[in-house]
Amino acid sequence: MATPGFTITARDAAVLPRLGGDLTPAAVVICGHEPQRRVDGGEDMVATERRSDDVAALVAALRLPDEPRTDGPCTSEMPLAPWLAVVDADGRWMRPGIPLDPCRKLRAEVRAALDALPLTTVATRAVAEIESAEAAAAGCSQRWADMVSVETTANPDARRGALPRPFPAGQQVRLCVYDVPKSERGNGKPAGEFAHGTVLPADRRTAIEQALRAAGPAEACRTHASRFALLWSVAGGDPQTYVELDGCRRIMVVAYPGGPVIAQGDAALAELIDEP
């Protein structure tokens, strides 16, 4: 299929067999996936199976022919249909092709019938974790890019010097620590997986801020970090402060106007930040 997953484009529809008279659908099954929050605060991507026995309008639309192709202009959007199968009373099933309109998009009658279809969820299954309970409790994203690596790879001459104030005055600061899998390191935008996080108590915030403001110029280094931290206000916004916890141990504060500034951290700062 041209489109992976649970959607059908016009190109997909063209290669599927059309619904003929040898199968009389008694039901339609639609498969999809969607995020679903768990009771522990985490979130999963869940595969869903939904069913309807009220299929007359959809079956009639699926049996329509393609409309003649237009020679005129067409809009650029591409309406999608869900992954669907029709099932007869004996349990035989097929994935039917979908008739196309003059612009080689899905016919409007099919889209209207799908929109009006009454569906009942008959099965769900978690297929991937989007966010762990621990990340949700900490207020951290499950995955985050190592932006120090991104910035220094894309811009080797990124501004070095004294860091701007790393934390906004009078606001609580959230700390999120990420592990970078070996397969991600050095790929231009390495993605880290959540390791631990917290909202910093006042004394720890002060100690980290003092260490950050005492940082000197960044040293020349090309070692990829396997662990990094993001520190920023619980309210979001600038500045965002990144610290490599190993490798080159660089610091980057992103604040606008001015943009990113790179400085040099050390093992003591990494130990101060990387407390579980």
Protein backbone atom coordinates (compact mmCIF):
# COMPACT_ATOMS: atom_id res chain seq x y z
CA MET A 1 0.00 0.00 0.00
CA ALA A 2 1.13 3.55 -0.66
CA THR A 3 0.19 4.71 2.84
CA PRO A 4 1.39 2.76 5.89
CA GLY A 5 -0.86 2.34 8.88
CA PHE A 6 -4.61 2.79 8.96
CA THR A 7 -5.41 5.32 6.23
CA ILE A 8 -6.26 4.95 2.56
CA THR A 9 -5.38 7.44 -0.16
CA ALA A 10 -6.71 7.51 -3.68
CA ARG A 11 -3.56 5.68 -4.79
CA ASP A 12 -4.32 2.93 -2.27
CA ALA A 13 -7.93 2.76 -3.37
CA ALA A 14 -6.96 2.25 -7.01
CA VAL A 15 -5.13 -1.03 -6.34
CA LEU A 16 -7.83 -2.66 -4.21
CA PRO A 17 -10.57 -4.80 -5.82
CA ARG A 18 -13.97 -3.17 -6.15
CA LEU A 19 -16.94 -4.51 -4.24
CA GLY A 20 -18.91 -6.74 -6.60
CA GLY A 21 -22.13 -8.71 -6.41
CA ASP A 22 -20.50 -11.89 -5.14
CA LEU A 23 -20.30 -10.55 -1.57
CA THR A 24 -23.19 -8.99 0.35
CA PRO A 25 -21.78 -7.01 3.27
CA ALA A 26 -23.55 -7.37 6.59
CA ALA A 27 -21.02 -5.31 8.56
CA VAL A 28 -18.02 -3.08 8.15
CA VAL A 29 -14.90 -3.20 10.33
CA ILE A 30 -12.69 -0.12 10.59
CA CYS A 31 -9.20 -0.31 12.08
CA GLY A 32 -7.30 2.68 13.35
CA HIS A 33 -5.01 3.92 16.07
CA GLU A 34 -5.17 6.78 18.53
CA PRO A 35 -3.46 8.00 21.70
CA GLN A 36 -5.07 6.94 24.96
CA ARG A 37 -4.23 8.17 28.47
CA ARG A 38 -3.75 5.46 31.10
CA VAL A 39 -4.96 5.63 34.69
CA ASP A 40 -1.33 5.91 35.88
CA GLY A 41 -0.92 9.13 33.89
CA GLY A 42 1.07 7.60 31.03
CA GLU A 43 -0.14 7.46 27.45
CA ASP A 44 -0.21 4.65 24.88
CA MET A 45 -0.80 4.46 21.16
CA VAL A 46 -3.76 2.11 20.93
CA ALA A 47 -4.91 0.12 17.90
CA THR A 48 -8.70 0.13 17.65
CA GLU A 49 -11.20 -2.10 15.91
CA ARG A 50 -14.65 -0.60 15.36
CA ARG A 51 -17.69 -2.21 13.75
CA SER A 52 -21.03 -1.21 12.29
CA ASP A 53 -23.95 -3.27 11.01
CA ASP A 54 -25.64 -0.21 9.46
CA VAL A 55 -23.81 -0.48 6.15
CA ALA A 56 -26.40 0.18 3.43
CA ALA A 57 -25.31 3.75 2.64
CA LEU A 58 -21.61 2.89 2.67
CA VAL A 59 -22.10 -0.21 0.49
CA ALA A 60 -24.09 1.82 -2.04
CA ALA A 61 -21.31 4.43 -2.15
CA LEU A 62 -18.58 1.79 -2.52
CA ARG A 63 -20.40 0.30 -5.54
CA LEU A 64 -20.40 3.62 -7.41
CA PRO A 65 -18.05 3.86 -10.42
CA ASP A 66 -15.17 6.28 -10.71
CA GLU A 67 -16.27 9.64 -12.07
CA PRO A 68 -14.67 10.77 -15.34
CA ARG A 69 -11.29 12.43 -14.84
CA THR A 70 -11.43 16.20 -15.14
CA ASP A 71 -9.23 18.30 -17.43
CA GLY A 72 -9.75 21.28 -15.15
CA PRO A 73 -7.90 22.41 -12.03
CA CYS A 74 -8.04 20.41 -8.79
CA THR A 75 -7.30 21.43 -5.23
CA SER A 76 -4.18 20.02 -3.58
CA GLU A 77 -5.62 18.47 -0.41
CA MET A 78 -5.91 14.68 -0.28
CA PRO A 79 -8.87 13.39 1.78
CA LEU A 80 -8.08 10.08 3.46
CA ALA A 81 -10.31 7.13 4.25
CA PRO A 82 -9.80 4.70 7.12
CA TRP A 83 -8.57 1.13 6.77
CA LEU A 84 -11.82 -0.79 6.35
CA ALA A 85 -13.09 -4.25 5.51
CA VAL A 86 -16.60 -5.40 4.68
CA VAL A 87 -17.86 -8.70 6.11
CA ASP A 88 -20.77 -10.85 4.96
CA ALA A 89 -23.11 -12.96 7.07
CA ASP A 90 -20.86 -16.03 6.67
CA GLY A 91 -17.76 -14.19 7.91
CA ARG A 92 -16.18 -13.75 4.48
CA TRP A 93 -14.48 -10.38 4.14
CA MET A 94 -12.58 -8.13 1.78
CA ARG A 95 -10.94 -4.74 1.68
CA PRO A 96 -12.81 -2.92 -1.07
CA GLY A 97 -11.46 -0.31 -3.43
CA ILE A 98 -13.01 3.13 -3.16
CA PRO A 99 -14.47 5.01 -6.15
CA LEU A 100 -12.72 8.23 -7.16
CA ASP A 101 -13.99 11.64 -8.15
CA PRO A 102 -12.91 13.69 -11.20
CA CYS A 103 -9.75 14.86 -9.38
CA ARG A 104 -8.81 11.25 -8.49
CA LYS A 105 -9.75 11.79 -4.89
CA LEU A 106 -12.24 9.72 -2.90
CA ARG A 107 -15.80 10.29 -4.06
CA ALA A 108 -17.78 12.60 -1.81
CA GLU A 109 -20.51 9.97 -1.34
CA VAL A 110 -18.01 7.62 0.28
CA ARG A 111 -16.67 10.28 2.61
CA ALA A 112 -20.22 11.28 3.59
CA ALA A 113 -21.22 7.67 4.28
CA LEU A 114 -18.12 7.14 6.42
CA ASP A 115 -18.80 10.32 8.39
CA ALA A 116 -22.37 9.16 9.11
CA LEU A 117 -21.43 5.57 9.98
CA PRO A 118 -22.44 4.57 13.56
CA LEU A 119 -19.49 2.66 15.03
CA THR A 120 -19.02 0.52 18.12
CA THR A 121 -15.53 -0.19 19.47
CA VAL A 122 -15.13 -3.97 19.75
CA ALA A 123 -11.41 -4.26 20.55
CA THR A 124 -8.41 -2.17 21.55
CA ARG A 125 -4.77 -3.06 21.96
CA ALA A 126 -1.82 -0.98 23.14
CA VAL A 127 0.89 -1.08 20.47
CA ALA A 128 3.42 1.48 21.76
CA GLU A 129 4.03 3.69 24.74
CA ILE A 130 3.92 7.40 23.97
CA GLU A 131 4.59 8.65 27.47
CA SER A 132 5.57 6.77 30.61
CA ALA A 133 3.83 7.36 33.92
CA GLU A 134 7.12 8.67 35.31
CA ALA A 135 7.51 11.26 32.54
CA ALA A 136 3.92 12.37 32.97
CA ALA A 137 4.36 12.74 36.73
CA ALA A 138 7.51 14.81 36.21
CA GLY A 139 5.86 17.00 33.58
CA CYS A 140 8.50 16.00 31.01
CA SER A 141 8.07 14.80 27.45
CA GLN A 142 8.95 11.16 26.90
CA ARG A 143 11.33 12.09 24.08
CA TRP A 144 13.33 15.23 23.44
CA ALA A 145 16.10 16.18 21.03
CA ASP A 146 19.61 16.95 22.24
CA MET A 147 19.55 20.54 21.02
CA VAL A 148 23.19 21.17 21.94
CA SER A 149 24.14 18.54 19.35
CA VAL A 150 21.63 19.94 16.87
CA GLU A 151 22.93 23.49 17.21
CA THR A 152 26.64 22.71 17.18
CA THR A 153 26.29 20.30 14.23
CA ALA A 154 24.27 22.73 12.12
CA ASN A 155 26.25 25.75 13.24
CA PRO A 156 29.83 24.88 14.25
CA ASP A 157 30.49 28.57 14.87
CA ALA A 158 27.57 28.93 17.30
CA ARG A 159 28.05 31.84 19.67
CA ARG A 160 30.33 31.10 22.61
CA GLY A 161 30.66 33.27 25.68
CA ALA A 162 29.04 34.22 28.95
CA LEU A 163 25.63 32.64 29.35
CA PRO A 164 22.52 34.75 29.72
CA ARG A 165 20.51 34.18 32.86
CA PRO A 166 19.58 30.48 32.61
CA PHE A 167 16.37 30.58 34.68
CA PRO A 168 13.57 33.15 34.74
CA ALA A 169 13.32 35.07 38.00
CA GLY A 170 10.53 34.09 40.36
CA GLN A 171 9.47 30.95 38.46
CA GLN A 172 9.82 27.29 39.32
CA VAL A 173 12.20 25.31 37.13
CA ARG A 174 11.57 21.84 35.77
CA LEU A 175 14.48 19.45 35.21
CA CYS A 176 14.17 16.65 32.64
CA VAL A 177 17.04 14.20 32.03
CA TYR A 178 17.26 12.09 28.85
CA ASP A 179 19.34 9.11 27.72
CA VAL A 180 20.48 9.12 24.09
CA PRO A 181 20.63 5.61 22.57
CA LYS A 182 23.84 4.80 20.75
CA SER A 183 21.92 4.55 17.48
CA GLU A 184 20.85 8.20 17.80
CA ARG A 185 24.18 9.79 18.62
CA GLY A 186 25.69 11.90 15.88
CA ASN A 187 22.69 11.71 13.53
CA GLY A 188 22.12 15.47 13.40
CA LYS A 189 19.11 15.47 15.71
CA PRO A 190 19.66 12.79 18.36
CA ALA A 191 16.50 11.89 20.27
CA GLY A 192 16.73 11.22 23.98
CA GLU A 193 14.44 8.98 26.04
CA PHE A 194 13.18 10.19 29.41
CA ALA A 195 15.30 9.01 32.36
CA HIS A 196 14.08 11.10 35.30
CA GLY A 197 12.74 14.54 36.12
CA THR A 198 11.49 16.83 38.84
CA VAL A 199 10.64 20.41 39.71
CA LEU A 200 13.72 21.79 41.41
CA PRO A 201 13.47 22.78 45.09
CA ALA A 202 14.80 26.25 45.80
CA ASP A 203 18.18 25.21 47.22
CA ARG A 204 18.99 22.89 44.32
CA ARG A 205 17.83 25.45 41.78
CA THR A 206 20.15 28.04 43.33
CA ALA A 207 23.15 25.68 43.32
CA ILE A 208 22.61 24.71 39.67
CA GLU A 209 22.07 28.32 38.60
CA GLN A 210 25.27 29.44 40.29
CA ALA A 211 27.24 26.68 38.56
CA LEU A 212 25.74 27.58 35.20
CA ARG A 213 26.54 31.27 35.56
CA ALA A 214 30.14 30.45 36.49
CA ALA A 215 30.66 28.41 33.30
CA GLY A 216 33.49 29.44 31.00
CA PRO A 217 33.84 29.36 27.20
CA ALA A 218 33.09 26.07 25.47
CA GLU A 219 36.08 23.96 24.53
CA ALA A 220 36.61 22.33 21.14
CA CYS A 221 35.07 18.85 21.28
CA ARG A 222 33.28 16.38 19.01
CA THR A 223 32.27 13.63 21.43
CA HIS A 224 28.56 12.79 21.35
CA ALA A 225 26.70 12.86 24.66
CA SER A 226 24.82 9.79 25.85
CA ARG A 227 22.86 11.80 28.42
CA PHE A 228 21.63 15.39 28.61
CA ALA A 229 19.32 17.58 30.66
CA LEU A 230 16.76 20.23 29.83
CA LEU A 231 15.95 22.89 32.42
CA TRP A 232 13.25 25.48 31.91
CA SER A 233 10.38 27.22 33.60
CA VAL A 234 7.34 25.09 34.47
CA ALA A 235 5.37 27.77 32.62
CA GLY A 236 7.38 27.07 29.44
CA GLY A 237 8.94 29.64 27.18
CA ASP A 238 12.46 31.04 27.19
CA PRO A 239 15.08 30.55 28.34
CA GLN A 240 15.68 26.86 27.74
CA THR A 241 18.90 25.50 29.22
CA TYR A 242 20.52 22.30 27.93
CA VAL A 243 23.42 20.54 29.64
CA GLU A 244 25.34 17.57 28.24
CA LEU A 245 25.94 15.28 31.22
CA ASP A 246 28.84 13.43 29.60
CA GLY A 247 30.77 13.67 26.35
CA CYS A 248 31.75 17.30 25.75
CA ARG A 249 29.68 18.49 28.76
CA ARG A 250 28.62 21.64 26.94
CA ILE A 251 25.90 24.00 28.12
CA MET A 252 23.52 25.87 25.84
CA VAL A 253 21.09 28.56 26.91
CA VAL A 254 18.46 29.48 24.33
CA ALA A 255 16.87 32.88 24.87
CA TYR A 256 15.47 35.40 22.41
CA PRO A 257 16.44 37.93 21.32
CA GLY A 258 20.01 36.81 21.01
CA GLY A 259 19.61 33.12 20.25
CA PRO A 260 21.65 30.20 21.61
CA VAL A 261 24.85 30.70 23.60
CA ILE A 262 27.30 27.82 24.21
CA ALA A 263 29.46 27.48 27.34
CA GLN A 264 31.46 24.74 29.05
CA GLY A 265 30.16 22.56 31.85
CA ASP A 266 32.04 20.00 33.93
CA ALA A 267 31.60 16.80 35.90
CA ALA A 268 30.58 18.68 39.06
CA LEU A 269 27.70 20.38 37.25
CA ALA A 270 26.65 17.08 35.70
CA GLU A 271 26.61 15.42 39.13
CA LEU A 272 24.60 18.29 40.58
CA ILE A 273 21.99 17.98 37.83
CA ASP A 274 21.85 14.20 37.44
CA GLU A 275 20.47 13.36 40.86
CA PRO A 276 17.54 10.94 40.56
